[in-house]
């Protein structure tokens, strides 16, 4: 359930011409940029970008980068990219910074197999290295095994489950992840090869056996990158709506909003399921997501995110 409100009929040429006008004169017309790009689907945005380049012989993305700044510019830039290309950029930033492998896990586990394959192609085209090559170069040990395994996975997407397998692999995960006595390699094998349906059955069986969710108290302040990535893998596979709700909640409640995380969720889910994430957020916090966001950010960045949420400021 998307939050994006876009017209079914639009003229890419008229939009391109209007955007050009927004760049001219004494100052950029940010409201016009928001009104146009904040109400266009990915297909419509790519049309606008192509037509703009045909008419004006310049890349719309580069022109936008020179016209607007800060978190607003970053959000618009990520929004205008095709989803696979956007995820490739996000993955590269995460790898180069070495700080947030959760982004890699998120992309690898929440994307469909075909979407993930498209991200890997986009990454290769943009950076002239494979995603798995760059991950392997920047990580070691179990975190490398997990991340490379996740991004190279092509999971079965059907509904079939094997109850006996769920039972045995629930114990494999318990021994390795919770007790830290078993084989991490076996836990990684399970998490990187099984279908999401099978893994959810395994997580449910774990709860039945042990009376608690596998992710409960899995990480704390002393957790290393591998443990955090394991936690994100389990959470995002088990229920990605609740996962995204927590990402947004943590981004907002930080001392100083985590604009990168907030932008990532709103921009990447606005055409997919941001409405469901918003509903989960309200159920968990008794506050509308748009109200929570509006309190934490300001200016054109705020207007743009609220537009993608289907709420005008």
Protein backbone atom coordinates (compact mmCIF):
# COMPACT_ATOMS: atom_id res chain seq x y z
CA UNK A 1 0.00 0.00 0.00
CA UNK A 2 1.73 3.08 -1.32
CA UNK A 3 1.40 6.59 0.08
CA UNK A 4 2.47 8.34 -3.13
CA UNK A 5 -0.33 10.34 -4.76
CA UNK A 6 0.42 10.66 -8.49
CA UNK A 7 -1.72 11.65 -11.50
CA UNK A 8 -2.52 8.92 -14.00
CA UNK A 9 -2.08 11.34 -16.89
CA UNK A 10 0.80 13.77 -17.03
CA UNK A 11 3.01 15.36 -19.66
CA UNK A 12 6.70 14.61 -19.21
CA UNK A 13 7.51 17.55 -21.48
CA UNK A 14 5.38 19.98 -19.48
CA UNK A 15 6.97 18.72 -16.26
CA UNK A 16 10.47 19.09 -17.71
CA UNK A 17 9.71 22.62 -18.89
CA UNK A 18 8.21 23.56 -15.50
CA UNK A 19 11.27 22.20 -13.69
CA UNK A 20 13.53 24.23 -15.97
CA UNK A 21 11.57 27.36 -15.06
CA UNK A 22 11.93 26.52 -11.36
CA UNK A 23 15.73 26.79 -11.78
CA UNK A 24 15.64 30.18 -13.51
CA UNK A 25 15.35 33.65 -12.05
CA UNK A 26 16.71 34.89 -8.73
CA UNK A 27 16.18 31.70 -6.78
CA UNK A 28 15.13 28.11 -7.18
CA UNK A 29 11.40 27.41 -6.80
CA UNK A 30 11.62 24.50 -4.37
CA UNK A 31 7.84 24.28 -4.00
CA UNK A 32 7.47 23.60 -7.71
CA UNK A 33 10.12 20.86 -7.56
CA UNK A 34 8.20 19.24 -4.69
CA UNK A 35 4.84 19.63 -6.42
CA UNK A 36 6.08 17.91 -9.58
CA UNK A 37 8.56 15.25 -8.43
CA UNK A 38 6.74 14.51 -5.18
CA UNK A 39 3.66 13.44 -7.16
CA UNK A 40 5.21 11.29 -9.90
CA UNK A 41 5.70 7.53 -10.09
CA UNK A 42 9.06 5.97 -10.83
CA UNK A 43 8.06 5.51 -14.48
CA UNK A 44 6.92 9.12 -14.74
CA UNK A 45 10.11 10.39 -13.08
CA UNK A 46 12.28 8.49 -15.57
CA UNK A 47 10.24 9.93 -18.44
CA UNK A 48 10.76 13.45 -17.10
CA UNK A 49 14.48 12.83 -16.74
CA UNK A 50 14.80 11.56 -20.34
CA UNK A 51 12.74 14.39 -21.84
CA UNK A 52 14.58 17.03 -19.80
CA UNK A 53 17.92 15.80 -21.14
CA UNK A 54 16.60 15.68 -24.70
CA UNK A 55 15.34 19.28 -24.54
CA UNK A 56 18.07 20.96 -22.49
CA UNK A 57 21.10 18.72 -23.09
CA UNK A 58 21.83 18.36 -19.38
CA UNK A 59 21.21 15.73 -16.73
CA UNK A 60 18.25 16.69 -14.53
CA UNK A 61 19.84 14.95 -11.53
CA UNK A 62 23.04 17.00 -11.79
CA UNK A 63 21.05 20.20 -12.23
CA UNK A 64 18.98 19.43 -9.13
CA UNK A 65 22.18 18.74 -7.18
CA UNK A 66 23.42 22.22 -8.07
CA UNK A 67 20.11 23.93 -7.27
CA UNK A 68 19.11 22.45 -3.89
CA UNK A 69 21.10 21.49 -0.83
CA UNK A 70 21.24 19.43 2.34
CA UNK A 71 18.78 16.72 3.35
CA UNK A 72 16.24 18.00 0.81
CA UNK A 73 18.73 17.51 -2.03
CA UNK A 74 19.69 14.04 -0.80
CA UNK A 75 16.03 12.97 -0.57
CA UNK A 76 15.18 14.30 -4.05
CA UNK A 77 18.30 12.70 -5.53
CA UNK A 78 17.44 9.29 -4.08
CA UNK A 79 13.82 9.66 -5.10
CA UNK A 80 14.54 10.44 -8.74
CA UNK A 81 16.74 7.36 -9.20
CA UNK A 82 15.27 4.06 -10.31
CA UNK A 83 14.83 1.75 -7.28
CA UNK A 84 17.63 -0.67 -8.20
CA UNK A 85 20.04 2.19 -8.85
CA UNK A 86 19.00 3.87 -5.58
CA UNK A 87 19.69 0.67 -3.64
CA UNK A 88 23.05 0.33 -5.39
CA UNK A 89 23.97 3.85 -4.20
CA UNK A 90 22.76 3.12 -0.66
CA UNK A 91 24.74 -0.13 -0.58
CA UNK A 92 27.90 1.57 -1.79
CA UNK A 93 27.62 4.33 0.82
CA UNK A 94 27.09 1.69 3.52
CA UNK A 95 30.14 -0.29 2.38
CA UNK A 96 32.44 2.71 2.07
CA UNK A 97 31.40 4.15 5.44
CA UNK A 98 31.77 0.76 7.13
CA UNK A 99 29.21 1.87 9.70
CA UNK A 100 25.81 0.59 8.70
CA UNK A 101 25.72 -2.92 7.32
CA UNK A 102 22.03 -2.97 8.29
CA UNK A 103 21.36 -1.19 4.99
CA UNK A 104 22.96 -4.08 3.06
CA UNK A 105 20.92 -6.63 5.02
CA UNK A 106 17.75 -4.61 4.47
CA UNK A 107 18.23 -4.47 0.69
CA UNK A 108 19.19 -8.15 0.46
CA UNK A 109 16.40 -9.58 2.60
CA UNK A 110 13.39 -7.34 1.87
CA UNK A 111 13.87 -7.18 -1.90
CA UNK A 112 12.42 -9.97 -4.02
CA UNK A 113 14.97 -12.23 -5.74
CA UNK A 114 14.43 -10.37 -9.04
CA UNK A 115 14.75 -6.97 -7.33
CA UNK A 116 17.97 -8.03 -5.63
CA UNK A 117 19.37 -9.24 -8.94
CA UNK A 118 18.51 -5.83 -10.47
CA UNK A 119 20.36 -4.09 -7.61
CA UNK A 120 23.45 -6.21 -8.25
CA UNK A 121 23.31 -5.34 -11.96
CA UNK A 122 22.86 -1.64 -11.20
CA UNK A 123 25.77 -1.74 -8.74
CA UNK A 124 28.06 -3.37 -11.30
CA UNK A 125 27.08 -0.85 -13.98
CA UNK A 126 27.59 2.15 -11.70
CA UNK A 127 30.77 1.15 -9.82
CA UNK A 128 32.49 -1.31 -12.19
CA UNK A 129 32.77 -3.82 -9.32
CA UNK A 130 30.26 -6.39 -8.16
CA UNK A 131 28.40 -5.75 -4.91
CA UNK A 132 29.72 -9.01 -3.46
CA UNK A 133 33.29 -8.11 -4.50
CA UNK A 134 33.15 -4.80 -2.64
CA UNK A 135 31.54 -6.41 0.40
CA UNK A 136 34.22 -9.10 0.52
CA UNK A 137 36.95 -6.45 0.23
CA UNK A 138 35.62 -4.41 3.15
CA UNK A 139 34.65 -7.16 5.62
CA UNK A 140 36.12 -10.28 7.20
CA UNK A 141 35.05 -13.44 9.00
CA UNK A 142 31.43 -14.17 9.82
CA UNK A 143 30.11 -10.74 8.82
CA UNK A 144 31.62 -11.26 5.36
CA UNK A 145 30.08 -14.74 5.08
CA UNK A 146 26.66 -13.44 6.09
CA UNK A 147 26.59 -10.33 3.88
CA UNK A 148 28.01 -11.99 0.77
CA UNK A 149 25.62 -14.91 1.29
CA UNK A 150 22.63 -12.58 1.59
CA UNK A 151 23.37 -10.46 -1.49
CA UNK A 152 24.10 -13.47 -3.69
CA UNK A 153 21.02 -15.42 -2.57
CA UNK A 154 18.20 -16.14 -5.01
CA UNK A 155 15.48 -17.46 -2.72
CA UNK A 156 12.52 -19.63 -3.56
CA UNK A 157 9.37 -17.50 -3.23
CA UNK A 158 6.62 -20.12 -2.92
CA UNK A 159 4.49 -21.04 0.08
CA UNK A 160 5.78 -24.57 0.68
CA UNK A 161 7.37 -25.26 4.06
CA UNK A 162 9.06 -28.27 5.62
CA UNK A 163 7.97 -28.56 9.30
CA UNK A 164 10.77 -31.00 10.21
CA UNK A 165 13.33 -28.65 8.74
CA UNK A 166 11.82 -25.75 10.69
CA UNK A 167 12.22 -27.80 13.89
CA UNK A 168 15.84 -28.80 13.29
CA UNK A 169 16.92 -25.38 12.04
CA UNK A 170 15.23 -23.60 14.94
CA UNK A 171 17.65 -25.53 17.14
CA UNK A 172 20.61 -24.73 14.90
CA UNK A 173 19.77 -21.02 15.25
CA UNK A 174 19.23 -21.36 19.00
CA UNK A 175 22.59 -23.01 19.58
CA UNK A 176 24.53 -20.58 17.38
CA UNK A 177 22.67 -17.29 17.79
CA UNK A 178 21.32 -17.41 21.33
CA UNK A 179 23.63 -19.82 23.15
CA UNK A 180 26.68 -18.91 21.02
CA UNK A 181 27.80 -22.52 21.29
CA UNK A 182 26.90 -23.85 17.87
CA UNK A 183 28.19 -23.20 14.39
CA UNK A 184 27.79 -19.69 13.04
CA UNK A 185 28.48 -21.12 9.58
CA UNK A 186 25.40 -23.33 9.90
CA UNK A 187 23.27 -20.39 11.08
CA UNK A 188 24.52 -18.32 8.13
CA UNK A 189 23.70 -21.17 5.75
CA UNK A 190 20.13 -21.31 7.05
CA UNK A 191 19.56 -17.55 6.91
CA UNK A 192 21.07 -17.07 3.46
CA UNK A 193 19.56 -20.04 1.59
CA UNK A 194 16.07 -20.79 2.89
CA UNK A 195 12.94 -19.16 1.51
CA UNK A 196 11.36 -16.41 3.59
CA UNK A 197 8.32 -18.62 4.14
CA UNK A 198 10.50 -21.44 5.45
CA UNK A 199 12.46 -19.07 7.67
CA UNK A 200 9.30 -17.56 9.16
CA UNK A 201 8.13 -21.12 9.94
CA UNK A 202 11.51 -21.71 11.61
CA UNK A 203 11.21 -18.50 13.66
CA UNK A 204 7.67 -19.46 14.69
CA UNK A 205 8.82 -22.93 15.70
CA UNK A 206 11.61 -21.33 17.72
CA UNK A 207 9.04 -19.28 19.63
CA UNK A 208 6.94 -22.39 20.30
CA UNK A 209 9.95 -24.31 21.63
CA UNK A 210 11.64 -21.57 23.64
CA UNK A 211 8.71 -19.31 24.57
CA UNK A 212 10.28 -16.17 23.15
CA UNK A 213 11.18 -14.70 19.78
CA UNK A 214 14.64 -15.46 18.42
CA UNK A 215 15.43 -11.74 18.12
CA UNK A 216 14.57 -10.97 21.77
CA UNK A 217 17.63 -9.61 23.59
CA UNK A 218 19.80 -10.66 20.66
CA UNK A 219 21.71 -7.38 20.63
CA UNK A 220 22.84 -4.88 23.24
CA UNK A 221 25.30 -2.00 23.40
CA UNK A 222 28.23 -4.40 23.35
CA UNK A 223 27.13 -6.30 20.24
CA UNK A 224 29.53 -6.47 17.30
CA UNK A 225 28.72 -5.84 13.62
CA UNK A 226 28.03 -9.51 12.95
CA UNK A 227 25.55 -9.82 15.82
CA UNK A 228 23.79 -6.63 14.73
CA UNK A 229 23.60 -7.89 11.14
CA UNK A 230 22.19 -11.23 12.35
CA UNK A 231 19.53 -9.36 14.31
CA UNK A 232 18.60 -7.21 11.31
CA UNK A 233 18.46 -10.29 9.07
CA UNK A 234 16.00 -12.04 11.36
CA UNK A 235 13.87 -8.95 12.00
CA UNK A 236 13.60 -7.89 8.35
CA UNK A 237 12.77 -11.40 7.11
CA UNK A 238 10.27 -12.07 9.89
CA UNK A 239 8.25 -8.84 9.53
CA UNK A 240 9.70 -6.03 7.44
CA UNK A 241 6.84 -3.65 8.35
CA UNK A 242 7.75 -3.85 12.04
CA UNK A 243 11.40 -3.63 11.09
CA UNK A 244 10.88 -0.39 9.16
CA UNK A 245 8.69 1.01 11.94
CA UNK A 246 11.59 0.53 14.35
CA UNK A 247 14.06 2.13 11.93
CA UNK A 248 11.84 5.22 11.69
CA UNK A 249 11.17 5.29 15.43
CA UNK A 250 14.87 5.11 16.22
CA UNK A 251 15.63 7.77 13.60
CA UNK A 252 13.13 10.17 15.13
CA UNK A 253 13.85 9.61 18.81
CA UNK A 254 17.61 10.03 18.47
CA UNK A 255 19.24 13.14 19.91
CA UNK A 256 19.46 14.81 16.54
CA UNK A 257 17.27 13.09 13.96
CA UNK A 258 18.90 10.39 11.81
CA UNK A 259 17.90 11.98 8.50
CA UNK A 260 19.66 9.30 6.43
CA UNK A 261 17.55 6.51 7.94
CA UNK A 262 14.35 8.56 7.78
CA UNK A 263 14.93 9.49 4.13
CA UNK A 264 15.78 5.90 3.23
CA UNK A 265 12.54 4.47 4.58
CA UNK A 266 10.21 7.17 3.23
CA UNK A 267 11.82 7.34 -0.21
CA UNK A 268 12.22 3.58 -0.71
CA UNK A 269 8.75 2.57 0.56
CA UNK A 270 6.50 5.45 -0.65
CA UNK A 271 5.58 3.52 -3.81
CA UNK A 272 5.38 0.15 -2.07
CA UNK A 273 4.07 -0.21 1.47
CA UNK A 274 4.71 2.98 3.43
CA UNK A 275 1.03 3.15 4.34
CA UNK A 276 1.33 -0.17 6.19
CA UNK A 277 4.53 0.99 7.91
CA UNK A 278 2.65 4.15 8.95
CA UNK A 279 -0.20 2.07 10.37
CA UNK A 280 2.26 -0.10 12.33
CA UNK A 281 3.92 3.07 13.61
CA UNK A 282 0.60 4.49 14.82
CA UNK A 283 -0.35 1.23 16.51
CA UNK A 284 3.01 1.09 18.30
CA UNK A 285 3.33 4.78 19.24
CA UNK A 286 -0.23 6.23 19.22
CA UNK A 287 1.09 9.07 17.05
CA UNK A 288 0.60 9.54 13.32
CA UNK A 289 3.87 9.07 11.48
CA UNK A 290 3.46 12.33 9.56
CA UNK A 291 3.00 14.22 12.84
CA UNK A 292 6.07 12.59 14.38
CA UNK A 293 8.17 13.44 11.32
CA UNK A 294 6.83 17.00 11.07
CA UNK A 295 7.95 17.69 14.64
CA UNK A 296 11.53 16.62 13.96
CA UNK A 297 12.44 18.16 10.61
CA UNK A 298 11.75 21.40 8.80
CA UNK A 299 11.80 23.37 5.57
CA UNK A 300 11.70 21.90 2.09
CA UNK A 301 12.96 18.56 3.38
CA UNK A 302 9.91 18.32 5.63
CA UNK A 303 7.55 19.37 2.82
CA UNK A 304 9.03 16.77 0.49
CA UNK A 305 8.83 13.84 2.91
CA UNK A 306 5.27 14.74 3.89
CA UNK A 307 4.35 14.88 0.20
CA UNK A 308 5.73 11.36 -0.31
CA UNK A 309 3.69 10.31 2.72
CA UNK A 310 0.60 11.60 0.93
CA UNK A 311 0.26 14.49 3.38
CA UNK A 312 0.67 18.08 2.36
CA UNK A 313 2.29 20.39 4.90
